Amino acid sequence: MSKTSADPRITKRKVTMRRFRVVAPEVPGGPPGVREDVAEDYVNPEFVDEYVAAARARGWDDVAVSDEPDAGPGGYHGQTAVPAGINHPEAGTVRPATQED
């Protein structure tokens, strides 16, 4: 089964964060460069808004949430970490993986 199939159990959303920074020229006297940092996470919809707010507060320039459900690399049965830095009652906990059918 594809990780992005129409399986109704798959509800997480892919969150892509980008940060752009001006960096020193690669050669002396040359133009400055731009570095793009990218991070991705797969977030449960019950705390995606809090996750996005925390990412923006940490300085990410762009935070995009996918429209389509995506189980991520852990698949539907993988564990779910609730990040400590978000405003949610379960912040800092890990929901264990589930048994595959």
PDB file of N, CA and C in Angstrom:
ATOM      1  N   MET A   1       0.845  -1.184   0.000  1.00  0.00           N
ATOM      2  CA  MET A   1       0.000   0.000   0.000  1.00  0.00           C
ATOM      3  C   MET A   1       0.884   1.237   0.000  1.00  0.00           C
ATOM      4  N   SER A   2       0.570   2.151  -0.837  1.00  0.00           N
ATOM      5  CA  SER A   2       1.306   3.412  -0.916  1.00  0.00           C
ATOM      6  C   SER A   2       1.089   4.230   0.341  1.00  0.00           C
ATOM      7  N   LYS A   3       2.119   4.963   0.753  1.00  0.00           N
ATOM      8  CA  LYS A   3       1.979   5.790   1.954  1.00  0.00           C
ATOM      9  C   LYS A   3       1.005   6.943   1.759  1.00  0.00           C
ATOM     10  N   THR A   4       0.670   7.255   0.534  1.00  0.00           N
ATOM     11  CA  THR A   4      -0.269   8.344   0.272  1.00  0.00           C
ATOM     12  C   THR A   4      -1.566   7.823  -0.340  1.00  0.00           C
ATOM     13  N   SER A   5      -1.898   6.567  -0.065  1.00  0.00           N
ATOM     14  CA  SER A   5      -3.123   6.003  -0.622  1.00  0.00           C
ATOM     15  C   SER A   5      -4.342   6.642   0.029  1.00  0.00           C
ATOM     16  N   ALA A   6      -5.510   6.231  -0.432  1.00  0.00           N
ATOM     17  CA  ALA A   6      -6.760   6.774   0.095  1.00  0.00           C
ATOM     18  C   ALA A   6      -7.170   6.095   1.400  1.00  0.00           C
ATOM     19  N   ASP A   7      -6.263   5.445   2.082  1.00  0.00           N
ATOM     20  CA  ASP A   7      -6.551   4.783   3.356  1.00  0.00           C
ATOM     21  C   ASP A   7      -7.040   5.826   4.358  1.00  0.00           C
ATOM     22  N   PRO A   8      -8.263   5.700   4.864  1.00  0.00           N
ATOM     23  CA  PRO A   8      -8.808   6.719   5.770  1.00  0.00           C
ATOM     24  C   PRO A   8      -8.073   6.813   7.107  1.00  0.00           C
ATOM     25  N   ARG A   9      -7.264   5.808   7.436  1.00  0.00           N
ATOM     26  CA  ARG A   9      -6.501   5.874   8.687  1.00  0.00           C
ATOM     27  C   ARG A   9      -5.352   6.869   8.589  1.00  0.00           C
ATOM     28  N   ILE A  10      -4.931   7.185   7.377  1.00  0.00           N
ATOM     29  CA  ILE A  10      -3.805   8.099   7.180  1.00  0.00           C
ATOM     30  C   ILE A  10      -4.337   9.527   7.205  1.00  0.00           C
ATOM     31  N   THR A  11      -3.977  10.248   8.258  1.00  0.00           N
ATOM     32  CA  THR A  11      -4.496  11.609   8.433  1.00  0.00           C
ATOM     33  C   THR A  11      -3.401  12.657   8.587  1.00  0.00           C
ATOM     34  N   LYS A  12      -2.157  12.231   8.800  1.00  0.00           N
ATOM     35  CA  LYS A  12      -1.083  13.209   9.003  1.00  0.00           C
ATOM     36  C   LYS A  12      -0.906  14.074   7.766  1.00  0.00           C
ATOM     37  N   ARG A  13      -0.357  15.254   7.991  1.00  0.00           N
ATOM     38  CA  ARG A  13      -0.061  16.173   6.903  1.00  0.00           C
ATOM     39  C   ARG A  13       1.445  16.409   6.859  1.00  0.00           C
ATOM     40  N   LYS A  14       1.971  16.520   5.658  1.00  0.00           N
ATOM     41  CA  LYS A  14       3.386  16.831   5.484  1.00  0.00           C
ATOM     42  C   LYS A  14       3.561  18.332   5.664  1.00  0.00           C
ATOM     43  N   VAL A  15       4.447  18.710   6.578  1.00  0.00           N
ATOM     44  CA  VAL A  15       4.766  20.116   6.825  1.00  0.00           C
ATOM     45  C   VAL A  15       6.188  20.347   6.320  1.00  0.00           C
ATOM     46  N   THR A  16       6.333  21.296   5.389  1.00  0.00           N
ATOM     47  CA  THR A  16       7.645  21.632   4.836  1.00  0.00           C
ATOM     48  C   THR A  16       8.006  23.038   5.285  1.00  0.00           C
ATOM     49  N   MET A  17       9.177  23.155   5.914  1.00  0.00           N
ATOM     50  CA  MET A  17       9.649  24.443   6.432  1.00  0.00           C
ATOM     51  C   MET A  17      10.901  24.847   5.670  1.00  0.00           C
ATOM     52  N   ARG A  18      10.988  26.141   5.341  1.00  0.00           N
ATOM     53  CA  ARG A  18      12.157  26.665   4.622  1.00  0.00           C
ATOM     54  C   ARG A  18      12.654  27.928   5.304  1.00  0.00           C
ATOM     55  N   ARG A  19      13.983  28.044   5.328  1.00  0.00           N
ATOM     56  CA  ARG A  19      14.631  29.238   5.878  1.00  0.00           C
ATOM     57  C   ARG A  19      15.721  29.637   4.894  1.00  0.00           C
ATOM     58  N   PHE A  20      15.775  30.913   4.571  1.00  0.00           N
ATOM     59  CA  PHE A  20      16.767  31.429   3.623  1.00  0.00           C
ATOM     60  C   PHE A  20      17.734  32.343   4.367  1.00  0.00           C
ATOM     61  N   ARG A  21      19.030  32.180   4.089  1.00  0.00           N
ATOM     62  CA  ARG A  21      20.055  32.982   4.749  1.00  0.00           C
ATOM     63  C   ARG A  21      21.076  33.457   3.721  1.00  0.00           C
ATOM     64  N   VAL A  22      21.509  34.695   3.883  1.00  0.00           N
ATOM     65  CA  VAL A  22      22.601  35.222   3.067  1.00  0.00           C
ATOM     66  C   VAL A  22      23.896  34.731   3.699  1.00  0.00           C
ATOM     67  N   VAL A  23      24.774  34.184   2.866  1.00  0.00           N
ATOM     68  CA  VAL A  23      26.044  33.651   3.354  1.00  0.00           C
ATOM     69  C   VAL A  23      27.204  34.355   2.654  1.00  0.00           C
ATOM     70  N   ALA A  24      28.369  34.182   3.204  1.00  0.00           N
ATOM     71  CA  ALA A  24      29.575  34.823   2.670  1.00  0.00           C
ATOM     72  C   ALA A  24      29.827  34.381   1.227  1.00  0.00           C
ATOM     73  N   PRO A  25      30.479  35.237   0.455  1.00  0.00           N
ATOM     74  CA  PRO A  25      30.806  34.870  -0.930  1.00  0.00           C
ATOM     75  C   PRO A  25      31.668  33.611  -0.975  1.00  0.00           C
ATOM     76  N   GLU A  26      31.493  32.833  -2.023  1.00  0.00           N
ATOM     77  CA  GLU A  26      32.310  31.631  -2.192  1.00  0.00           C
ATOM     78  C   GLU A  26      33.746  31.981  -2.551  1.00  0.00           C
ATOM     79  N   VAL A  27      33.924  33.098  -3.245  1.00  0.00           N
ATOM     80  CA  VAL A  27      35.264  33.563  -3.601  1.00  0.00           C
ATOM     81  C   VAL A  27      35.418  34.988  -3.088  1.00  0.00           C
ATOM     82  N   PRO A  28      36.613  35.362  -2.646  1.00  0.00           N
ATOM     83  CA  PRO A  28      36.809  36.727  -2.154  1.00  0.00           C
ATOM     84  C   PRO A  28      36.381  37.759  -3.195  1.00  0.00           C
ATOM     85  N   GLY A  29      35.598  38.724  -2.771  1.00  0.00           N
ATOM     86  CA  GLY A  29      35.131  39.773  -3.659  1.00  0.00           C
ATOM     87  C   GLY A  29      33.919  39.392  -4.496  1.00  0.00           C
ATOM     88  N   GLY A  30      33.503  38.141  -4.400  1.00  0.00           N
ATOM     89  CA  GLY A  30      32.348  37.692  -5.175  1.00  0.00           C
ATOM     90  C   GLY A  30      31.038  38.068  -4.497  1.00  0.00           C
ATOM     91  N   PRO A  31      29.961  37.779  -5.168  1.00  0.00           N
ATOM     92  CA  PRO A  31      28.655  38.112  -4.593  1.00  0.00           C
ATOM     93  C   PRO A  31      28.325  37.171  -3.429  1.00  0.00           C
ATOM     94  N   PRO A  32      27.547  37.661  -2.478  1.00  0.00           N
ATOM     95  CA  PRO A  32      27.137  36.767  -1.393  1.00  0.00           C
ATOM     96  C   PRO A  32      26.218  35.673  -1.943  1.00  0.00           C
ATOM     97  N   GLY A  33      26.152  34.594  -1.235  1.00  0.00           N
ATOM     98  CA  GLY A  33      25.287  33.494  -1.644  1.00  0.00           C
ATOM     99  C   GLY A  33      24.042  33.434  -0.779  1.00  0.00           C
ATOM    100  N   VAL A  34      23.158  32.551  -1.128  1.00  0.00           N
ATOM    101  CA  VAL A  34      21.945  32.313  -0.350  1.00  0.00           C
ATOM    102  C   VAL A  34      21.904  30.831  -0.015  1.00  0.00           C
ATOM    103  N   ARG A  35      21.682  30.542   1.251  1.00  0.00           N
ATOM    104  CA  ARG A  35      21.549  29.152   1.687  1.00  0.00           C
ATOM    105  C   ARG A  35      20.092  28.910   2.045  1.00  0.00           C
ATOM    106  N   GLU A  36      19.562  27.800   1.567  1.00  0.00           N
ATOM    107  CA  GLU A  36      18.195  27.407   1.906  1.00  0.00           C
ATOM    108  C   GLU A  36      18.257  26.180   2.809  1.00  0.00           C
ATOM    109  N   ASP A  37      17.693  26.302   3.992  1.00  0.00           N
ATOM    110  CA  ASP A  37      17.542  25.161   4.888  1.00  0.00           C
ATOM    111  C   ASP A  37      16.118  24.652   4.728  1.00  0.00           C
ATOM    112  N   VAL A  38      15.961  23.340   4.622  1.00  0.00           N
ATOM    113  CA  VAL A  38      14.637  22.742   4.463  1.00  0.00           C
ATOM    114  C   VAL A  38      14.482  21.629   5.486  1.00  0.00           C
ATOM    115  N   ALA A  39      13.318  21.591   6.128  1.00  0.00           N
ATOM    116  CA  ALA A  39      12.982  20.507   7.050  1.00  0.00           C
ATOM    117  C   ALA A  39      11.563  20.055   6.751  1.00  0.00           C
ATOM    118  N   GLU A  40      11.337  18.755   6.875  1.00  0.00           N
ATOM    119  CA  GLU A  40      10.005  18.202   6.652  1.00  0.00           C
ATOM    120  C   GLU A  40       9.603  17.370   7.853  1.00  0.00           C
ATOM    121  N   ASP A  41       8.319  17.374   8.134  1.00  0.00           N
ATOM    122  CA  ASP A  41       7.781  16.555   9.211  1.00  0.00           C
ATOM    123  C   ASP A  41       6.380  16.124   8.820  1.00  0.00           C
ATOM    124  N   TYR A  42       5.912  15.078   9.442  1.00  0.00           N
ATOM    125  CA  TYR A  42       4.576  14.546   9.183  1.00  0.00           C
ATOM    126  C   TYR A  42       3.797  14.682  10.476  1.00  0.00           C
ATOM    127  N   VAL A  43       2.756  15.524  10.457  1.00  0.00           N
ATOM    128  CA  VAL A  43       2.131  16.008  11.681  1.00  0.00           C
ATOM    129  C   VAL A  43       0.659  15.598  11.741  1.00  0.00           C
ATOM    130  N   ASN A  44       0.262  15.140  12.921  1.00  0.00           N
ATOM    131  CA  ASN A  44      -1.122  14.777  13.169  1.00  0.00           C
ATOM    132  C   ASN A  44      -1.994  16.022  13.046  1.00  0.00           C
ATOM    133  N   PRO A  45      -3.132  15.937  12.375  1.00  0.00           N
ATOM    134  CA  PRO A  45      -3.952  17.136  12.174  1.00  0.00           C
ATOM    135  C   PRO A  45      -4.489  17.751  13.461  1.00  0.00           C
ATOM    136  N   GLU A  46      -4.557  16.978  14.541  1.00  0.00           N
ATOM    137  CA  GLU A  46      -5.087  17.554  15.776  1.00  0.00           C
ATOM    138  C   GLU A  46      -4.151  18.588  16.393  1.00  0.00           C
ATOM    139  N   PHE A  47      -2.877  18.599  15.995  1.00  0.00           N
ATOM    140  CA  PHE A  47      -1.982  19.640  16.504  1.00  0.00           C
ATOM    141  C   PHE A  47      -1.162  20.315  15.406  1.00  0.00           C
ATOM    142  N   VAL A  48      -1.628  20.235  14.158  1.00  0.00           N
ATOM    143  CA  VAL A  48      -0.878  20.853  13.061  1.00  0.00           C
ATOM    144  C   VAL A  48      -0.837  22.378  13.192  1.00  0.00           C
ATOM    145  N   ASP A  49      -1.919  23.004  13.641  1.00  0.00           N
ATOM    146  CA  ASP A  49      -1.914  24.469  13.781  1.00  0.00           C
ATOM    147  C   ASP A  49      -0.891  24.917  14.818  1.00  0.00           C
ATOM    148  N   GLU A  50      -0.811  24.199  15.936  1.00  0.00           N
ATOM    149  CA  GLU A  50       0.165  24.524  16.975  1.00  0.00           C
ATOM    150  C   GLU A  50       1.587  24.294  16.473  1.00  0.00           C
ATOM    151  N   TYR A  51       1.777  23.232  15.685  1.00  0.00           N
ATOM    152  CA  TYR A  51       3.089  22.928  15.121  1.00  0.00           C
ATOM    153  C   TYR A  51       3.538  24.048  14.186  1.00  0.00           C
ATOM    154  N   VAL A  52       2.635  24.502  13.316  1.00  0.00           N
ATOM    155  CA  VAL A  52       2.957  25.579  12.372  1.00  0.00           C
ATOM    156  C   VAL A  52       3.291  26.863  13.125  1.00  0.00           C
ATOM    157  N   ALA A  53       2.512  27.193  14.147  1.00  0.00           N
ATOM    158  CA  ALA A  53       2.779  28.407  14.936  1.00  0.00           C
ATOM    159  C   ALA A  53       4.151  28.332  15.596  1.00  0.00           C
ATOM    160  N   ALA A  54       4.504  27.176  16.140  1.00  0.00           N
ATOM    161  CA  ALA A  54       5.811  27.013  16.784  1.00  0.00           C
ATOM    162  C   ALA A  54       6.943  27.110  15.763  1.00  0.00           C
ATOM    163  N   ALA A  55       6.742  26.554  14.568  1.00  0.00           N
ATOM    164  CA  ALA A  55       7.772  26.629  13.522  1.00  0.00           C
ATOM    165  C   ALA A  55       8.012  28.076  13.106  1.00  0.00           C
ATOM    166  N   ARG A  56       6.944  28.819  12.950  1.00  0.00           N
ATOM    167  CA  ARG A  56       7.098  30.238  12.581  1.00  0.00           C
ATOM    168  C   ARG A  56       7.782  31.019  13.700  1.00  0.00           C
ATOM    169  N   ALA A  57       7.447  30.699  14.948  1.00  0.00           N
ATOM    170  CA  ALA A  57       8.077  31.378  16.087  1.00  0.00           C
ATOM    171  C   ALA A  57       9.571  31.057  16.165  1.00  0.00           C
ATOM    172  N   ARG A  58       9.981  29.891  15.652  1.00  0.00           N
ATOM    173  CA  ARG A  58      11.402  29.511  15.645  1.00  0.00           C
ATOM    174  C   ARG A  58      12.154  30.124  14.469  1.00  0.00           C
ATOM    175  N   GLY A  59      11.467  30.914  13.631  1.00  0.00           N
ATOM    176  CA  GLY A  59      12.171  31.641  12.584  1.00  0.00           C
ATOM    177  C   GLY A  59      12.153  31.038  11.200  1.00  0.00           C
ATOM    178  N   TRP A  60      11.335  30.032  10.947  1.00  0.00           N
ATOM    179  CA  TRP A  60      11.241  29.512   9.585  1.00  0.00           C
ATOM    180  C   TRP A  60      10.551  30.558   8.723  1.00  0.00           C
ATOM    181  N   ASP A  61      11.115  30.837   7.549  1.00  0.00           N
ATOM    182  CA  ASP A  61      10.571  31.859   6.656  1.00  0.00           C
ATOM    183  C   ASP A  61       9.283  31.415   5.975  1.00  0.00           C
ATOM    184  N   ASP A  62       9.185  30.139   5.666  1.00  0.00           N
ATOM    185  CA  ASP A  62       8.005  29.611   4.986  1.00  0.00           C
ATOM    186  C   ASP A  62       7.639  28.285   5.633  1.00  0.00           C
ATOM    187  N   VAL A  63       6.366  28.116   5.964  1.00  0.00           N
ATOM    188  CA  VAL A  63       5.869  26.862   6.525  1.00  0.00           C
ATOM    189  C   VAL A  63       4.638  26.476   5.715  1.00  0.00           C
ATOM    190  N   ALA A  64       4.722  25.358   4.997  1.00  0.00           N
ATOM    191  CA  ALA A  64       3.626  24.920   4.133  1.00  0.00           C
ATOM    192  C   ALA A  64       3.102  23.570   4.605  1.00  0.00           C
ATOM    193  N   VAL A  65       1.782  23.429   4.605  1.00  0.00           N
ATOM    194  CA  VAL A  65       1.124  22.186   5.006  1.00  0.00           C
ATOM    195  C   VAL A  65       0.463  21.579   3.773  1.00  0.00           C
ATOM    196  N   SER A  66       0.708  20.285   3.550  1.00  0.00           N
ATOM    197  CA  SER A  66       0.119  19.616   2.391  1.00  0.00           C
ATOM    198  C   SER A  66      -1.400  19.544   2.508  1.00  0.00           C
ATOM    199  N   ASP A  67      -2.061  19.547   1.368  1.00  0.00           N
ATOM    200  CA  ASP A  67      -3.514  19.379   1.343  1.00  0.00           C
ATOM    201  C   ASP A  67      -3.912  17.917   1.511  1.00  0.00           C
ATOM    202  N   GLU A  68      -3.063  17.026   1.028  1.00  0.00           N
ATOM    203  CA  GLU A  68      -3.368  15.599   1.038  1.00  0.00           C
ATOM    204  C   GLU A  68      -2.751  14.905   2.249  1.00  0.00           C
ATOM    205  N   PRO A  69      -3.440  13.906   2.806  1.00  0.00           N
ATOM    206  CA  PRO A  69      -2.857  13.117   3.890  1.00  0.00           C
ATOM    207  C   PRO A  69      -1.587  12.413   3.422  1.00  0.00           C
ATOM    208  N   ASP A  70      -0.633  12.253   4.324  1.00  0.00           N
ATOM    209  CA  ASP A  70       0.636  11.603   4.007  1.00  0.00           C
ATOM    210  C   ASP A  70       1.143  10.933   5.271  1.00  0.00           C
ATOM    211  N   ALA A  71       1.267   9.625   5.246  1.00  0.00           N
ATOM    212  CA  ALA A  71       1.707   8.888   6.428  1.00  0.00           C
ATOM    213  C   ALA A  71       3.179   9.123   6.738  1.00  0.00           C
ATOM    214  N   GLY A  72       3.942   9.585   5.766  1.00  0.00           N
ATOM    215  CA  GLY A  72       5.358   9.823   5.991  1.00  0.00           C
ATOM    216  C   GLY A  72       6.165   8.547   5.935  1.00  0.00           C
ATOM    217  N   PRO A  73       7.467   8.650   6.197  1.00  0.00           N
ATOM    218  CA  PRO A  73       8.345   7.486   6.076  1.00  0.00           C
ATOM    219  C   PRO A  73       8.036   6.397   7.097  1.00  0.00           C
ATOM    220  N   GLY A  74       7.414   6.756   8.224  1.00  0.00           N
ATOM    221  CA  GLY A  74       7.067   5.750   9.231  1.00  0.00           C
ATOM    222  C   GLY A  74       5.819   4.973   8.882  1.00  0.00           C
ATOM    223  N   GLY A  75       5.088   5.423   7.861  1.00  0.00           N
ATOM    224  CA  GLY A  75       3.847   4.761   7.490  1.00  0.00           C
ATOM    225  C   GLY A  75       2.761   4.982   8.523  1.00  0.00           C
ATOM    226  N   TYR A  76       1.599   4.441   8.258  1.00  0.00           N
ATOM    227  CA  TYR A  76       0.471   4.617   9.170  1.00  0.00           C
ATOM    228  C   TYR A  76       0.794   4.080  10.555  1.00  0.00           C
ATOM    229  N   HIS A  77       1.498   2.970  10.620  1.00  0.00           N
ATOM    230  CA  HIS A  77       1.725   2.289  11.892  1.00  0.00           C
ATOM    231  C   HIS A  77       2.902   2.837  12.694  1.00  0.00           C
ATOM    232  N   GLY A  78       3.634   3.781  12.151  1.00  0.00           N
ATOM    233  CA  GLY A  78       4.791   4.323  12.863  1.00  0.00           C
ATOM    234  C   GLY A  78       4.390   5.144  14.080  1.00  0.00           C
ATOM    235  N   GLN A  79       5.338   5.329  14.985  1.00  0.00           N
ATOM    236  CA  GLN A  79       5.057   6.132  16.182  1.00  0.00           C
ATOM    237  C   GLN A  79       4.850   7.594  15.819  1.00  0.00           C
ATOM    238  N   THR A  80       4.185   8.325  16.710  1.00  0.00           N
ATOM    239  CA  THR A  80       3.935   9.747  16.514  1.00  0.00           C
ATOM    240  C   THR A  80       4.529  10.513  17.682  1.00  0.00           C
ATOM    241  N   ALA A  81       5.498  11.357  17.409  1.00  0.00           N
ATOM    242  CA  ALA A  81       6.074  12.221  18.445  1.00  0.00           C
ATOM    243  C   ALA A  81       5.314  13.537  18.444  1.00  0.00           C
ATOM    244  N   VAL A  82       4.872  13.952  19.627  1.00  0.00           N
ATOM    245  CA  VAL A  82       4.211  15.246  19.773  1.00  0.00           C
ATOM    246  C   VAL A  82       5.296  16.203  20.264  1.00  0.00           C
ATOM    247  N   PRO A  83       5.750  17.133  19.432  1.00  0.00           N
ATOM    248  CA  PRO A  83       6.895  17.975  19.786  1.00  0.00           C
ATOM    249  C   PRO A  83       6.708  18.729  21.103  1.00  0.00           C
ATOM    250  N   ALA A  84       7.788  18.839  21.850  1.00  0.00           N
ATOM    251  CA  ALA A  84       7.743  19.514  23.151  1.00  0.00           C
ATOM    252  C   ALA A  84       7.484  21.008  23.022  1.00  0.00           C
ATOM    253  N   GLY A  85       7.842  21.613  21.914  1.00  0.00           N
ATOM    254  CA  GLY A  85       7.745  23.064  21.781  1.00  0.00           C
ATOM    255  C   GLY A  85       6.417  23.589  21.281  1.00  0.00           C
ATOM    256  N   ILE A  86       5.360  22.769  21.325  1.00  0.00           N
ATOM    257  CA  ILE A  86       4.063  23.255  20.847  1.00  0.00           C
ATOM    258  C   ILE A  86       3.090  23.410  22.005  1.00  0.00           C
ATOM    259  N   ASN A  87       2.036  24.171  21.778  1.00  0.00           N
ATOM    260  CA  ASN A  87       1.011  24.404  22.785  1.00  0.00           C
ATOM    261  C   ASN A  87      -0.065  23.324  22.652  1.00  0.00           C
ATOM    262  N   HIS A  88       0.174  22.174  23.275  1.00  0.00           N
ATOM    263  CA  HIS A  88      -0.752  21.036  23.213  1.00  0.00           C
ATOM    264  C   HIS A  88      -0.586  20.226  24.491  1.00  0.00           C
ATOM    265  N   PRO A  89      -1.676  19.688  25.046  1.00  0.00           N
ATOM    266  CA  PRO A  89      -1.574  18.928  26.298  1.00  0.00           C
ATOM    267  C   PRO A  89      -0.617  17.741  26.238  1.00  0.00           C
ATOM    268  N   GLU A  90      -0.434  17.149  25.070  1.00  0.00           N
ATOM    269  CA  GLU A  90       0.462  15.995  24.934  1.00  0.00           C
ATOM    270  C   GLU A  90       1.873  16.378  24.485  1.00  0.00           C
ATOM    271  N   ALA A  91       2.188  17.659  24.466  1.00  0.00           N
ATOM    272  CA  ALA A  91       3.513  18.103  24.013  1.00  0.00           C
ATOM    273  C   ALA A  91       4.611  17.369  24.774  1.00  0.00           C
ATOM    274  N   GLY A  92       5.598  16.903  24.034  1.00  0.00           N
ATOM    275  CA  GLY A  92       6.735  16.213  24.627  1.00  0.00           C
ATOM    276  C   GLY A  92       6.525  14.722  24.826  1.00  0.00           C
ATOM    277  N   THR A  93       5.428  14.179  24.326  1.00  0.00           N
ATOM    278  CA  THR A  93       5.170  12.748  24.475  1.00  0.00           C
ATOM    279  C   THR A  93       5.310  12.043  23.132  1.00  0.00           C
ATOM    280  N   VAL A  94       5.339  10.723  23.199  1.00  0.00           N
ATOM    281  CA  VAL A  94       5.411   9.906  21.990  1.00  0.00           C
ATOM    282  C   VAL A  94       4.277   8.890  22.047  1.00  0.00           C
ATOM    283  N   ARG A  95       3.499   8.863  20.994  1.00  0.00           N
ATOM    284  CA  ARG A  95       2.463   7.842  20.866  1.00  0.00           C
ATOM    285  C   ARG A  95       3.128   6.638  20.208  1.00  0.00           C
ATOM    286  N   PRO A  96       3.003   5.466  20.800  1.00  0.00           N
ATOM    287  CA  PRO A  96       3.705   4.299  20.258  1.00  0.00           C
ATOM    288  C   PRO A  96       3.172   3.874  18.895  1.00  0.00           C
ATOM    289  N   ALA A  97       4.005   3.122  18.201  1.00  0.00           N
ATOM    290  CA  ALA A  97       3.583   2.540  16.926  1.00  0.00           C
ATOM    291  C   ALA A  97       2.430   1.581  17.181  1.00  0.00           C
ATOM    292  N   THR A  98       1.617   1.378  16.166  1.00  0.00           N
ATOM    293  CA  THR A  98       0.504   0.439  16.273  1.00  0.00           C
ATOM    294  C   THR A  98       0.854  -0.841  15.540  1.00  0.00           C
ATOM    295  N   GLN A  99       0.137  -1.886  15.836  1.00  0.00           N
ATOM    296  CA  GLN A  99       0.346  -3.166  15.159  1.00  0.00           C
ATOM    297  C   GLN A  99      -0.247  -3.102  13.759  1.00  0.00           C
ATOM    298  N   GLU A 100       0.475  -3.668  12.809  1.00  0.00           N
ATOM    299  CA  GLU A 100      -0.059  -3.722  11.452  1.00  0.00           C
ATOM    300  C   GLU A 100      -1.159  -4.759  11.396  1.00  0.00           C
ATOM    301  N   ASP A 101      -2.119  -4.520  10.511  1.00  0.00           N
ATOM    302  CA  ASP A 101      -3.257  -5.448  10.362  1.00  0.00           C
ATOM    303  C   ASP A 101      -2.807  -6.768   9.801  1.00  0.00           C
TER     304      ASP A 101
END
